[in-house]
Amino acid sequence: DIATTNAPTITGDGIKLGQQAHAGVTGMGFIQMMPVSDPKTGEIF
C-alpha cells in the first residue's frame, strides 16, 4: 500500500514495448523514494 508521487499511468509500458524488440535493460533494481511526500496521497507539493 505504499504511496507514489507518480501519475497512475506510469506503469512501465515503454519498457515492455522495448522488450518486445529485444531491448536490454539496466539498473532495474534501484528504486528512488521521495522522502518528503504526503503520507496519504504521495503528493510532493
PDB file of all heavy atoms in Angstrom:
ATOM      1  N   ASP A   1       0.809  -1.222   0.000  1.00  0.00           N
ATOM      2  CA  ASP A   1       0.000   0.000   0.000  1.00  0.00           C
ATOM      3  C   ASP A   1       0.843   1.274   0.000  1.00  0.00           C
ATOM      4  O   ASP A   1       0.330   2.356   0.301  1.00  0.00           O
ATOM      5  CB  ASP A   1      -0.942   0.008   1.200  1.00  0.00           C
ATOM      6  CG  ASP A   1      -0.197  -0.014   2.539  1.00  0.00           C
ATOM      7  OD1 ASP A   1       1.037  -0.204   2.528  1.00  0.00           O
ATOM      8  OD2 ASP A   1      -0.853   0.164   3.576  1.00  0.00           O
ATOM      9  N   ILE A   2       2.102   1.175  -0.353  1.00  0.00           N
ATOM     10  CA  ILE A   2       2.956   2.361  -0.366  1.00  0.00           C
ATOM     11  C   ILE A   2       2.431   3.369  -1.384  1.00  0.00           C
ATOM     12  O   ILE A   2       1.948   3.006  -2.466  1.00  0.00           O
ATOM     13  CB  ILE A   2       4.422   1.990  -0.680  1.00  0.00           C
ATOM     14  CG1 ILE A   2       5.346   3.193  -0.434  1.00  0.00           C
ATOM     15  CG2 ILE A   2       4.577   1.452  -2.104  1.00  0.00           C
ATOM     16  CD1 ILE A   2       6.831   2.837  -0.479  1.00  0.00           C
ATOM     17  N   ALA A   3       2.488   4.646  -1.016  1.00  0.00           N
ATOM     18  CA  ALA A   3       2.031   5.699  -1.928  1.00  0.00           C
ATOM     19  C   ALA A   3       3.085   5.939  -3.004  1.00  0.00           C
ATOM     20  O   ALA A   3       4.231   5.496  -2.900  1.00  0.00           O
ATOM     21  CB  ALA A   3       1.765   6.986  -1.146  1.00  0.00           C
ATOM     22  N   THR A   4       2.687   6.657  -4.045  1.00  0.00           N
ATOM     23  CA  THR A   4       3.608   7.031  -5.113  1.00  0.00           C
ATOM     24  C   THR A   4       3.352   8.462  -5.530  1.00  0.00           C
ATOM     25  O   THR A   4       2.210   8.941  -5.480  1.00  0.00           O
ATOM     26  CB  THR A   4       3.481   6.108  -6.334  1.00  0.00           C
ATOM     27  OG1 THR A   4       4.393   6.545  -7.362  1.00  0.00           O
ATOM     28  CG2 THR A   4       2.062   6.109  -6.902  1.00  0.00           C
ATOM     29  N   THR A   5       4.402   9.153  -5.911  1.00  0.00           N
ATOM     30  CA  THR A   5       4.260  10.508  -6.458  1.00  0.00           C
ATOM     31  C   THR A   5       3.878  10.469  -7.928  1.00  0.00           C
ATOM     32  O   THR A   5       3.563  11.495  -8.510  1.00  0.00           O
ATOM     33  CB  THR A   5       5.589  11.274  -6.336  1.00  0.00           C
ATOM     34  OG1 THR A   5       6.577  10.637  -7.163  1.00  0.00           O
ATOM     35  CG2 THR A   5       6.090  11.303  -4.901  1.00  0.00           C
ATOM     36  N   ASN A   6       3.916   9.298  -8.519  1.00  0.00           N
ATOM     37  CA  ASN A   6       3.740   9.162  -9.966  1.00  0.00           C
ATOM     38  C   ASN A   6       2.289   9.307 -10.405  1.00  0.00           C
ATOM     39  O   ASN A   6       1.352   8.991  -9.657  1.00  0.00           O
ATOM     40  CB  ASN A   6       4.222   7.784 -10.429  1.00  0.00           C
ATOM     41  CG  ASN A   6       5.731   7.666 -10.471  1.00  0.00           C
ATOM     42  OD1 ASN A   6       6.308   7.278 -11.466  1.00  0.00           O
ATOM     43  ND2 ASN A   6       6.398   7.987  -9.363  1.00  0.00           N
ATOM     44  N   ALA A   7       2.115   9.716 -11.652  1.00  0.00           N
ATOM     45  CA  ALA A   7       0.806   9.630 -12.290  1.00  0.00           C
ATOM     46  C   ALA A   7       0.425   8.153 -12.380  1.00  0.00           C
ATOM     47  O   ALA A   7       1.301   7.299 -12.573  1.00  0.00           O
ATOM     48  CB  ALA A   7       0.852  10.250 -13.679  1.00  0.00           C
ATOM     49  N   PRO A   8      -0.849   7.807 -12.248  1.00  0.00           N
ATOM     50  CA  PRO A   8      -1.245   6.392 -12.241  1.00  0.00           C
ATOM     51  C   PRO A   8      -0.983   5.674 -13.556  1.00  0.00           C
ATOM     52  O   PRO A   8      -1.016   4.447 -13.605  1.00  0.00           O
ATOM     53  CB  PRO A   8      -2.747   6.448 -11.938  1.00  0.00           C
ATOM     54  CG  PRO A   8      -3.173   7.825 -12.284  1.00  0.00           C
ATOM     55  CD  PRO A   8      -1.992   8.710 -12.026  1.00  0.00           C
ATOM     56  N   THR A   9      -0.691   6.418 -14.608  1.00  0.00           N
ATOM     57  CA  THR A   9      -0.423   5.806 -15.914  1.00  0.00           C
ATOM     58  C   THR A   9       1.030   5.401 -16.093  1.00  0.00           C
ATOM     59  O   THR A   9       1.380   4.780 -17.110  1.00  0.00           O
ATOM     60  CB  THR A   9      -0.797   6.799 -17.035  1.00  0.00           C
ATOM     61  OG1 THR A   9      -0.169   8.064 -16.772  1.00  0.00           O
ATOM     62  CG2 THR A   9      -2.309   7.003 -17.091  1.00  0.00           C
ATOM     63  N   ILE A  10       1.890   5.718 -15.123  1.00  0.00           N
ATOM     64  CA  ILE A  10       3.325   5.435 -15.258  1.00  0.00           C
ATOM     65  C   ILE A  10       3.581   4.024 -14.755  1.00  0.00           C
ATOM     66  O   ILE A  10       4.012   3.801 -13.617  1.00  0.00           O
ATOM     67  CB  ILE A  10       4.171   6.480 -14.503  1.00  0.00           C
ATOM     68  CG1 ILE A  10       3.772   7.891 -14.911  1.00  0.00           C
ATOM     69  CG2 ILE A  10       5.655   6.251 -14.761  1.00  0.00           C
ATOM     70  CD1 ILE A  10       3.962   8.197 -16.400  1.00  0.00           C
ATOM     71  N   THR A  11       3.328   3.037 -15.627  1.00  0.00           N
ATOM     72  CA  THR A  11       3.320   1.631 -15.201  1.00  0.00           C
ATOM     73  C   THR A  11       4.318   0.752 -15.946  1.00  0.00           C
ATOM     74  O   THR A  11       4.230  -0.473 -15.894  1.00  0.00           O
ATOM     75  CB  THR A  11       1.907   1.058 -15.373  1.00  0.00           C
ATOM     76  OG1 THR A  11       1.464   1.284 -16.719  1.00  0.00           O
ATOM     77  CG2 THR A  11       0.924   1.713 -14.415  1.00  0.00           C
ATOM     78  N   GLY A  12       5.262   1.357 -16.661  1.00  0.00           N
ATOM     79  CA  GLY A  12       6.305   0.572 -17.324  1.00  0.00           C
ATOM     80  C   GLY A  12       5.977   0.142 -18.738  1.00  0.00           C
ATOM     81  O   GLY A  12       6.655  -0.734 -19.293  1.00  0.00           O
ATOM     82  N   ASP A  13       4.975   0.762 -19.358  1.00  0.00           N
ATOM     83  CA  ASP A  13       4.560   0.358 -20.705  1.00  0.00           C
ATOM     84  C   ASP A  13       5.695   0.442 -21.721  1.00  0.00           C
ATOM     85  O   ASP A  13       5.873  -0.455 -22.552  1.00  0.00           O
ATOM     86  CB  ASP A  13       3.402   1.237 -21.202  1.00  0.00           C
ATOM     87  CG  ASP A  13       2.182   1.148 -20.309  1.00  0.00           C
ATOM     88  OD1 ASP A  13       2.254   0.449 -19.292  1.00  0.00           O
ATOM     89  OD2 ASP A  13       1.164   1.785 -20.620  1.00  0.00           O
ATOM     90  N   GLY A  14       6.456   1.541 -21.665  1.00  0.00           N
ATOM     91  CA  GLY A  14       7.516   1.731 -22.655  1.00  0.00           C
ATOM     92  C   GLY A  14       8.622   0.701 -22.526  1.00  0.00           C
ATOM     93  O   GLY A  14       9.196   0.263 -23.527  1.00  0.00           O
ATOM     94  N   ILE A  15       8.925   0.316 -21.287  1.00  0.00           N
ATOM     95  CA  ILE A  15       9.945  -0.715 -21.079  1.00  0.00           C
ATOM     96  C   ILE A  15       9.470  -2.041 -21.667  1.00  0.00           C
ATOM     97  O   ILE A  15      10.224  -2.751 -22.345  1.00  0.00           O
ATOM     98  CB  ILE A  15      10.270  -0.855 -19.579  1.00  0.00           C
ATOM     99  CG1 ILE A  15      10.934   0.436 -19.063  1.00  0.00           C
ATOM    100  CG2 ILE A  15      11.186  -2.052 -19.329  1.00  0.00           C
ATOM    101  CD1 ILE A  15      11.125   0.480 -17.572  1.00  0.00           C
ATOM    102  N   LYS A  16       8.211  -2.361 -21.452  1.00  0.00           N
ATOM    103  CA  LYS A  16       7.648  -3.596 -22.006  1.00  0.00           C
ATOM    104  C   LYS A  16       7.654  -3.565 -23.535  1.00  0.00           C
ATOM    105  O   LYS A  16       7.954  -4.572 -24.189  1.00  0.00           O
ATOM    106  CB  LYS A  16       6.228  -3.805 -21.484  1.00  0.00           C
ATOM    107  CG  LYS A  16       6.160  -4.017 -19.979  1.00  0.00           C
ATOM    108  CD  LYS A  16       4.713  -4.047 -19.491  1.00  0.00           C
ATOM    109  CE  LYS A  16       4.638  -4.120 -17.971  1.00  0.00           C
ATOM    110  NZ  LYS A  16       3.243  -4.038 -17.470  1.00  0.00           N
ATOM    111  N   LEU A  17       7.338  -2.409 -24.119  1.00  0.00           N
ATOM    112  CA  LEU A  17       7.371  -2.282 -25.581  1.00  0.00           C
ATOM    113  C   LEU A  17       8.786  -2.478 -26.101  1.00  0.00           C
ATOM    114  O   LEU A  17       9.005  -3.148 -27.116  1.00  0.00           O
ATOM    115  CB  LEU A  17       6.830  -0.906 -26.008  1.00  0.00           C
ATOM    116  CG  LEU A  17       5.324  -0.682 -25.848  1.00  0.00           C
ATOM    117  CD1 LEU A  17       4.984   0.788 -26.083  1.00  0.00           C
ATOM    118  CD2 LEU A  17       4.541  -1.562 -26.811  1.00  0.00           C
ATOM    119  N   GLY A  18       9.755  -1.869 -25.426  1.00  0.00           N
ATOM    120  CA  GLY A  18      11.141  -2.043 -25.837  1.00  0.00           C
ATOM    121  C   GLY A  18      11.578  -3.487 -25.775  1.00  0.00           C
ATOM    122  O   GLY A  18      12.295  -3.986 -26.652  1.00  0.00           O
ATOM    123  N   GLN A  19      11.120  -4.184 -24.751  1.00  0.00           N
ATOM    124  CA  GLN A  19      11.483  -5.593 -24.610  1.00  0.00           C
ATOM    125  C   GLN A  19      10.835  -6.444 -25.703  1.00  0.00           C
ATOM    126  O   GLN A  19      11.349  -7.519 -26.017  1.00  0.00           O
ATOM    127  CB  GLN A  19      11.093  -6.083 -23.214  1.00  0.00           C
ATOM    128  CG  GLN A  19      11.984  -5.498 -22.121  1.00  0.00           C
ATOM    129  CD  GLN A  19      11.553  -5.882 -20.714  1.00  0.00           C
ATOM    130  OE1 GLN A  19      10.359  -5.932 -20.405  1.00  0.00           O
ATOM    131  NE2 GLN A  19      12.518  -6.165 -19.851  1.00  0.00           N
ATOM    132  N   GLN A  20       9.719  -5.976 -26.284  1.00  0.00           N
ATOM    133  CA  GLN A  20       9.153  -6.669 -27.447  1.00  0.00           C
ATOM    134  C   GLN A  20      10.170  -6.728 -28.587  1.00  0.00           C
ATOM    135  O   GLN A  20      10.203  -7.678 -29.365  1.00  0.00           O
ATOM    136  CB  GLN A  20       7.890  -5.956 -27.951  1.00  0.00           C
ATOM    137  CG  GLN A  20       6.674  -6.078 -27.071  1.00  0.00           C
ATOM    138  CD  GLN A  20       5.492  -5.306 -27.655  1.00  0.00           C
ATOM    139  OE1 GLN A  20       5.532  -4.845 -28.802  1.00  0.00           O
ATOM    140  NE2 GLN A  20       4.451  -5.149 -26.853  1.00  0.00           N
ATOM    141  N   ALA A  21      10.986  -5.678 -28.651  1.00  0.00           N
ATOM    142  CA  ALA A  21      12.009  -5.599 -29.716  1.00  0.00           C
ATOM    143  C   ALA A  21      13.358  -6.104 -29.216  1.00  0.00           C
ATOM    144  O   ALA A  21      14.388  -5.813 -29.814  1.00  0.00           O
ATOM    145  CB  ALA A  21      12.131  -4.165 -30.210  1.00  0.00           C
ATOM    146  N   HIS A  22      13.344  -6.862 -28.098  1.00  0.00           N
ATOM    147  CA  HIS A  22      14.544  -7.489 -27.542  1.00  0.00           C
ATOM    148  C   HIS A  22      15.540  -6.472 -26.998  1.00  0.00           C
ATOM    149  O   HIS A  22      16.754  -6.707 -27.021  1.00  0.00           O
ATOM    150  CB  HIS A  22      15.211  -8.390 -28.578  1.00  0.00           C
ATOM    151  CG  HIS A  22      14.257  -9.360 -29.227  1.00  0.00           C
ATOM    152  ND1 HIS A  22      13.625 -10.364 -28.527  1.00  0.00           N
ATOM    153  CD2 HIS A  22      13.812  -9.452 -30.508  1.00  0.00           C
ATOM    154  CE1 HIS A  22      12.833 -11.039 -29.347  1.00  0.00           C
ATOM    155  NE2 HIS A  22      12.924 -10.513 -30.549  1.00  0.00           N
ATOM    156  N   ALA A  23      15.029  -5.344 -26.503  1.00  0.00           N
ATOM    157  CA  ALA A  23      15.903  -4.334 -25.904  1.00  0.00           C
ATOM    158  C   ALA A  23      16.481  -4.837 -24.586  1.00  0.00           C
ATOM    159  O   ALA A  23      15.842  -5.600 -23.850  1.00  0.00           O
ATOM    160  CB  ALA A  23      15.123  -3.045 -25.665  1.00  0.00           C
ATOM    161  N   GLY A  24      17.688  -4.394 -24.280  1.00  0.00           N
ATOM    162  CA  GLY A  24      18.281  -4.675 -22.995  1.00  0.00           C
ATOM    163  C   GLY A  24      17.791  -3.696 -21.952  1.00  0.00           C
ATOM    164  O   GLY A  24      17.262  -2.620 -22.282  1.00  0.00           O
ATOM    165  N   VAL A  25      17.930  -4.048 -20.682  1.00  0.00           N
ATOM    166  CA  VAL A  25      17.581  -3.149 -19.586  1.00  0.00           C
ATOM    167  C   VAL A  25      18.772  -3.061 -18.638  1.00  0.00           C
ATOM    168  O   VAL A  25      19.635  -3.939 -18.612  1.00  0.00           O
ATOM    169  CB  VAL A  25      16.330  -3.626 -18.815  1.00  0.00           C
ATOM    170  CG1 VAL A  25      15.097  -3.559 -19.693  1.00  0.00           C
ATOM    171  CG2 VAL A  25      16.526  -5.035 -18.257  1.00  0.00           C
ATOM    172  N   THR A  26      18.798  -1.996 -17.861  1.00  0.00           N
ATOM    173  CA  THR A  26      19.909  -1.791 -16.933  1.00  0.00           C
ATOM    174  C   THR A  26      19.416  -1.119 -15.665  1.00  0.00           C
ATOM    175  O   THR A  26      18.515  -0.276 -15.703  1.00  0.00           O
ATOM    176  CB  THR A  26      21.015  -0.932 -17.586  1.00  0.00           C
ATOM    177  OG1 THR A  26      22.110  -0.811 -16.695  1.00  0.00           O
ATOM    178  CG2 THR A  26      20.513   0.451 -17.946  1.00  0.00           C
ATOM    179  N   GLY A  27      19.982  -1.510 -14.526  1.00  0.00           N
ATOM    180  CA  GLY A  27      19.715  -0.843 -13.255  1.00  0.00           C
ATOM    181  C   GLY A  27      18.305  -0.954 -12.735  1.00  0.00           C
ATOM    182  O   GLY A  27      17.870  -0.119 -11.933  1.00  0.00           O
ATOM    183  N   MET A  28      17.579  -1.999 -13.106  1.00  0.00           N
ATOM    184  CA  MET A  28      16.155  -2.074 -12.794  1.00  0.00           C
ATOM    185  C   MET A  28      15.857  -2.196 -11.300  1.00  0.00           C
ATOM    186  O   MET A  28      14.753  -1.883 -10.856  1.00  0.00           O
ATOM    187  CB  MET A  28      15.529  -3.248 -13.539  1.00  0.00           C
ATOM    188  CG  MET A  28      15.521  -3.108 -15.051  1.00  0.00           C
ATOM    189  SD  MET A  28      14.403  -1.827 -15.629  1.00  0.00           S
ATOM    190  CE  MET A  28      12.820  -2.639 -15.415  1.00  0.00           C
ATOM    191  N   GLY A  29      16.797  -2.645 -10.508  1.00  0.00           N
ATOM    192  CA  GLY A  29      16.523  -2.873  -9.093  1.00  0.00           C
ATOM    193  C   GLY A  29      16.568  -1.634  -8.225  1.00  0.00           C
ATOM    194  O   GLY A  29      16.167  -1.675  -7.061  1.00  0.00           O
ATOM    195  N   PHE A  30      17.049  -0.513  -8.768  1.00  0.00           N
ATOM    196  CA  PHE A  30      17.236   0.693  -7.961  1.00  0.00           C
ATOM    197  C   PHE A  30      16.006   1.595  -8.065  1.00  0.00           C
ATOM    198  O   PHE A  30      15.723   2.166  -9.118  1.00  0.00           O
ATOM    199  CB  PHE A  30      18.506   1.430  -8.388  1.00  0.00           C
ATOM    200  CG  PHE A  30      19.752   0.696  -7.982  1.00  0.00           C
ATOM    201  CD1 PHE A  30      20.332  -0.233  -8.830  1.00  0.00           C
ATOM    202  CD2 PHE A  30      20.317   0.915  -6.736  1.00  0.00           C
ATOM    203  CE1 PHE A  30      21.478  -0.932  -8.456  1.00  0.00           C
ATOM    204  CE2 PHE A  30      21.458   0.220  -6.344  1.00  0.00           C
ATOM    205  CZ  PHE A  30      22.034  -0.699  -7.207  1.00  0.00           C
ATOM    206  N   ILE A  31      15.281   1.700  -6.970  1.00  0.00           N
ATOM    207  CA  ILE A  31      14.033   2.453  -6.890  1.00  0.00           C
ATOM    208  C   ILE A  31      14.240   3.636  -5.954  1.00  0.00           C
ATOM    209  O   ILE A  31      14.678   3.462  -4.814  1.00  0.00           O
ATOM    210  CB  ILE A  31      12.890   1.569  -6.346  1.00  0.00           C
ATOM    211  CG1 ILE A  31      12.847   0.208  -7.053  1.00  0.00           C
ATOM    212  CG2 ILE A  31      11.559   2.307  -6.420  1.00  0.00           C
ATOM    213  CD1 ILE A  31      12.612   0.251  -8.538  1.00  0.00           C
ATOM    214  N   GLN A  32      13.936   4.837  -6.431  1.00  0.00           N
ATOM    215  CA  GLN A  32      14.100   6.004  -5.571  1.00  0.00           C
ATOM    216  C   GLN A  32      12.795   6.354  -4.861  1.00  0.00           C
ATOM    217  O   GLN A  32      11.728   6.353  -5.473  1.00  0.00           O
ATOM    218  CB  GLN A  32      14.543   7.227  -6.378  1.00  0.00           C
ATOM    219  CG  GLN A  32      14.799   8.446  -5.504  1.00  0.00           C
ATOM    220  CD  GLN A  32      15.381   9.608  -6.270  1.00  0.00           C
ATOM    221  OE1 GLN A  32      14.656  10.347  -6.925  1.00  0.00           O
ATOM    222  NE2 GLN A  32      16.700   9.769  -6.198  1.00  0.00           N
ATOM    223  N   MET A  33      12.908   6.618  -3.575  1.00  0.00           N
ATOM    224  CA  MET A  33      11.797   7.131  -2.783  1.00  0.00           C
ATOM    225  C   MET A  33      11.912   8.655  -2.694  1.00  0.00           C
ATOM    226  O   MET A  33      13.010   9.188  -2.576  1.00  0.00           O
ATOM    227  CB  MET A  33      11.816   6.543  -1.375  1.00  0.00           C
ATOM    228  CG  MET A  33      11.728   5.035  -1.305  1.00  0.00           C
ATOM    229  SD  MET A  33      10.096   4.437  -1.748  1.00  0.00           S
ATOM    230  CE  MET A  33      10.405   2.654  -1.794  1.00  0.00           C
ATOM    231  N   MET A  34      10.782   9.326  -2.764  1.00  0.00           N
ATOM    232  CA  MET A  34      10.754  10.749  -2.444  1.00  0.00           C
ATOM    233  C   MET A  34      10.467  10.850  -0.955  1.00  0.00           C
ATOM    234  O   MET A  34       9.368  10.516  -0.504  1.00  0.00           O
ATOM    235  CB  MET A  34       9.678  11.486  -3.234  1.00  0.00           C
ATOM    236  CG  MET A  34       9.462  12.933  -2.787  1.00  0.00           C
ATOM    237  SD  MET A  34      10.966  13.956  -2.744  1.00  0.00           S
ATOM    238  CE  MET A  34      11.172  14.277  -4.479  1.00  0.00           C
ATOM    239  N   PRO A  35      11.453  11.267  -0.163  1.00  0.00           N
ATOM    240  CA  PRO A  35      11.281  11.233   1.297  1.00  0.00           C
ATOM    241  C   PRO A  35      10.215  12.191   1.803  1.00  0.00           C
ATOM    242  O   PRO A  35       9.582  11.922   2.830  1.00  0.00           O
ATOM    243  CB  PRO A  35      12.666  11.605   1.824  1.00  0.00           C
ATOM    244  CG  PRO A  35      13.332  12.322   0.697  1.00  0.00           C
ATOM    245  CD  PRO A  35      12.795  11.730  -0.556  1.00  0.00           C
ATOM    246  N   VAL A  36      10.009  13.320   1.098  1.00  0.00           N
ATOM    247  CA  VAL A  36       9.123  14.364   1.629  1.00  0.00           C
ATOM    248  C   VAL A  36       7.779  14.357   0.901  1.00  0.00           C
ATOM    249  O   VAL A  36       7.321  15.366   0.368  1.00  0.00           O
ATOM    250  CB  VAL A  36       9.791  15.755   1.544  1.00  0.00           C
ATOM    251  CG1 VAL A  36      10.920  15.843   2.542  1.00  0.00           C
ATOM    252  CG2 VAL A  36      10.314  16.048   0.137  1.00  0.00           C
ATOM    253  N   SER A  37       7.106  13.212   0.901  1.00  0.00           N
ATOM    254  CA  SER A  37       5.814  13.073   0.230  1.00  0.00           C
ATOM    255  C   SER A  37       4.668  13.108   1.233  1.00  0.00           C
ATOM    256  O   SER A  37       4.850  12.817   2.419  1.00  0.00           O
ATOM    257  CB  SER A  37       5.764  11.754  -0.548  1.00  0.00           C
ATOM    258  OG  SER A  37       6.768  11.712  -1.537  1.00  0.00           O
ATOM    259  N   ASP A  38       3.483  13.441   0.720  1.00  0.00           N
ATOM    260  CA  ASP A  38       2.284  13.430   1.553  1.00  0.00           C
ATOM    261  C   ASP A  38       2.001  12.000   2.009  1.00  0.00           C
ATOM    262  O   ASP A  38       2.011  11.068   1.201  1.00  0.00           O
ATOM    263  CB  ASP A  38       1.093  13.966   0.745  1.00  0.00           C
ATOM    264  CG  ASP A  38      -0.152  14.130   1.589  1.00  0.00           C
ATOM    265  OD1 ASP A  38      -0.791  13.112   1.901  1.00  0.00           O
ATOM    266  OD2 ASP A  38      -0.502  15.281   1.909  1.00  0.00           O
ATOM    267  N   PRO A  39       1.762  11.765   3.304  1.00  0.00           N
ATOM    268  CA  PRO A  39       1.584  10.400   3.806  1.00  0.00           C
ATOM    269  C   PRO A  39       0.423   9.649   3.163  1.00  0.00           C
ATOM    270  O   PRO A  39       0.466   8.420   3.059  1.00  0.00           O
ATOM    271  CB  PRO A  39       1.326  10.610   5.309  1.00  0.00           C
ATOM    272  CG  PRO A  39       1.922  11.931   5.622  1.00  0.00           C
ATOM    273  CD  PRO A  39       1.725  12.757   4.387  1.00  0.00           C
ATOM    274  N   LYS A  40      -0.626  10.363   2.756  1.00  0.00           N
ATOM    275  CA  LYS A  40      -1.804   9.703   2.201  1.00  0.00           C
ATOM    276  C   LYS A  40      -1.791   9.633   0.684  1.00  0.00           C
ATOM    277  O   LYS A  40      -2.113   8.604   0.092  1.00  0.00           O
ATOM    278  CB  LYS A  40      -3.075  10.424   2.670  1.00  0.00           C
ATOM    279  CG  LYS A  40      -3.310  10.324   4.171  1.00  0.00           C
ATOM    280  CD  LYS A  40      -4.612  11.004   4.560  1.00  0.00           C
ATOM    281  CE  LYS A  40      -4.871  10.882   6.068  1.00  0.00           C
ATOM    282  NZ  LYS A  40      -6.137  11.568   6.469  1.00  0.00           N
ATOM    283  N   THR A  41      -1.438  10.728   0.039  1.00  0.00           N
ATOM    284  CA  THR A  41      -1.577  10.812  -1.417  1.00  0.00           C
ATOM    285  C   THR A  41      -0.276  10.604  -2.178  1.00  0.00           C
ATOM    286  O   THR A  41      -0.294  10.356  -3.377  1.00  0.00           O
ATOM    287  CB  THR A  41      -2.148  12.187  -1.813  1.00  0.00           C
ATOM    288  OG1 THR A  41      -1.179  13.201  -1.494  1.00  0.00           O
ATOM    289  CG2 THR A  41      -3.445  12.471  -1.073  1.00  0.00           C
ATOM    290  N   GLY A  42       0.871  10.753  -1.497  1.00  0.00           N
ATOM    291  CA  GLY A  42       2.150  10.709  -2.192  1.00  0.00           C
ATOM    292  C   GLY A  42       2.513  12.020  -2.841  1.00  0.00           C
ATOM    293  O   GLY A  42       3.604  12.161  -3.403  1.00  0.00           O
ATOM    294  N   GLU A  43       1.630  12.995  -2.768  1.00  0.00           N
ATOM    295  CA  GLU A  43       1.874  14.285  -3.415  1.00  0.00           C
ATOM    296  C   GLU A  43       3.110  14.955  -2.817  1.00  0.00           C
ATOM    297  O   GLU A  43       3.379  14.860  -1.624  1.00  0.00           O
ATOM    298  CB  GLU A  43       0.658  15.195  -3.229  1.00  0.00           C
ATOM    299  CG  GLU A  43       0.783  16.545  -3.912  1.00  0.00           C
ATOM    300  CD  GLU A  43      -0.355  17.491  -3.541  1.00  0.00           C
ATOM    301  OE1 GLU A  43      -1.221  17.089  -2.745  1.00  0.00           O
ATOM    302  OE2 GLU A  43      -0.356  18.623  -4.046  1.00  0.00           O
ATOM    303  N   ILE A  44       3.853  15.654  -3.670  1.00  0.00           N
ATOM    304  CA  ILE A  44       5.059  16.332  -3.200  1.00  0.00           C
ATOM    305  C   ILE A  44       4.750  17.715  -2.649  1.00  0.00           C
ATOM    306  O   ILE A  44       5.263  18.121  -1.619  1.00  0.00           O
ATOM    307  CB  ILE A  44       6.091  16.458  -4.342  1.00  0.00           C
ATOM    308  CG1 ILE A  44       6.411  15.089  -4.931  1.00  0.00           C
ATOM    309  CG2 ILE A  44       7.361  17.123  -3.835  1.00  0.00           C
ATOM    310  CD1 ILE A  44       7.299  15.156  -6.149  1.00  0.00           C
ATOM    311  N   PHE A  45       3.891  18.448  -3.346  1.00  0.00           N
ATOM    312  CA  PHE A  45       3.779  19.872  -3.036  1.00  0.00           C
ATOM    313  C   PHE A  45       2.540  20.253  -2.245  1.00  0.00           C
ATOM    314  O   PHE A  45       1.875  21.221  -2.543  1.00  0.00           O
ATOM    315  CB  PHE A  45       3.904  20.697  -4.318  1.00  0.00           C
ATOM    316  CG  PHE A  45       5.310  20.689  -4.820  1.00  0.00           C
ATOM    317  CD1 PHE A  45       5.684  19.832  -5.825  1.00  0.00           C
ATOM    318  CD2 PHE A  45       6.275  21.472  -4.226  1.00  0.00           C
ATOM    319  CE1 PHE A  45       6.999  19.777  -6.257  1.00  0.00           C
ATOM    320  CE2 PHE A  45       7.595  21.416  -4.642  1.00  0.00           C
ATOM    321  CZ  PHE A  45       7.953  20.568  -5.666  1.00  0.00           C
TER     322      PHE A  45
END
